[in-house]
Amino acid sequence: MTTQELSPVVEQLVQEQLSTGKYQSRDEVLVRALRNLSEHDHFMADLEAAAEDEAAGRFRDADEVMAEMAERFNLVNTP
C-alpha cells in the first residue's frame, strides 16, 4: 500500500473529515490524525508511569506538596 492507497474504511473517515471543511487535503487530515495518535500514546505512557509510581508508593499528597512549596518559597500568608 502506497501513501496514495488507503483502505475503504480509512478513505471514508478521511472524506468525512474533509467534508467538514476543517481540512483542505487528505494529507492534512492524516498528519493531524497521526499527531493526535502520537500525543495520545505519550499521554498513555505518562499515565501508566504515574499508575506504577502510585502502586509502588512513590507519590505525595498534593496539599502536602503545595504547603511545602509555599513554605520553601516564602509564600505563606502572614497577617
Protein backbone atom coordinates (compact mmCIF):
# COMPACT_ATOMS: atom_id res chain seq x y z
CA MET A 1 0.00 0.00 0.00
CA THR A 2 1.45 3.35 -1.01
CA THR A 3 0.63 6.64 0.65
CA GLN A 4 -1.99 7.21 -2.07
CA GLU A 5 -3.82 3.92 -1.46
CA LEU A 6 -5.99 3.79 1.64
CA SER A 7 -8.37 1.08 2.73
CA PRO A 8 -12.04 1.89 2.08
CA VAL A 9 -12.68 2.40 5.80
CA VAL A 10 -9.78 4.85 6.16
CA GLU A 11 -10.70 6.65 2.96
CA GLN A 12 -14.28 7.08 4.23
CA LEU A 13 -13.01 8.53 7.52
CA VAL A 14 -10.72 10.91 5.65
CA GLN A 15 -13.57 12.00 3.39
CA GLU A 16 -15.81 12.60 6.40
CA GLN A 17 -13.18 14.92 7.85
CA LEU A 18 -12.69 16.71 4.54
CA SER A 19 -16.44 17.27 4.24
CA THR A 20 -16.41 19.28 7.47
CA GLY A 21 -14.35 21.96 5.74
CA LYS A 22 -11.84 21.96 8.57
CA TYR A 23 -9.14 20.33 6.44
CA GLN A 24 -8.03 21.16 2.92
CA SER A 25 -6.39 17.88 1.89
CA ARG A 26 -6.07 14.19 2.65
CA ASP A 27 -2.51 14.81 3.83
CA GLU A 28 -3.70 17.44 6.30
CA VAL A 29 -6.26 15.00 7.76
CA LEU A 30 -3.72 12.20 8.01
CA VAL A 31 -0.98 14.39 9.53
CA ARG A 32 -3.43 15.66 12.16
CA ALA A 33 -4.57 12.12 12.93
CA LEU A 34 -1.01 10.84 13.31
CA ARG A 35 -0.03 13.77 15.53
CA ASN A 36 -3.07 13.14 17.72
CA LEU A 37 -2.18 9.45 17.90
CA SER A 38 1.38 10.30 18.95
CA GLU A 39 0.13 12.71 21.64
CA HIS A 40 -2.29 10.06 22.88
CA ASP A 41 0.49 7.46 23.06
CA HIS A 42 2.70 9.84 25.09
CA PHE A 43 -0.19 10.67 27.41
CA MET A 44 -0.97 6.99 27.97
CA ALA A 45 2.70 6.23 28.71
CA ASP A 46 2.78 9.05 31.27
CA LEU A 47 -0.45 7.79 32.81
CA GLU A 48 0.90 4.24 33.04
CA ALA A 49 4.10 5.52 34.67
CA ALA A 50 2.06 7.51 37.18
CA ALA A 51 -0.04 4.44 38.00
CA GLU A 52 3.14 2.41 38.53
CA ASP A 53 4.53 5.13 40.81
CA GLU A 54 1.33 5.19 42.82
CA ALA A 55 1.27 1.40 43.14
CA ALA A 56 4.88 1.48 44.34
CA GLY A 57 4.11 4.20 46.88
CA ARG A 58 6.12 6.86 45.03
CA PHE A 59 3.69 9.74 45.35
CA ARG A 60 2.80 12.51 47.75
CA ASP A 61 -0.42 14.26 48.62
CA ALA A 62 -0.91 17.44 46.56
CA ASP A 63 -1.83 19.53 49.61
CA GLU A 64 1.36 18.42 51.34
CA VAL A 65 3.47 19.38 48.32
CA MET A 66 1.75 22.77 47.96
CA ALA A 67 2.27 23.56 51.64
CA GLU A 68 5.94 22.61 51.39
CA MET A 69 6.41 24.80 48.31
CA ALA A 70 4.62 27.74 49.93
CA GLU A 71 6.92 27.48 52.93
CA ARG A 72 10.05 26.93 50.84
CA PHE A 73 9.40 29.93 48.60
CA ASN A 74 8.12 32.11 51.42
CA LEU A 75 4.59 32.25 50.02
CA VAL A 76 2.89 31.72 53.35
CA ASN A 77 0.35 34.47 54.06
CA THR A 78 1.21 36.40 57.19
CA PRO A 79 -1.31 38.69 58.94
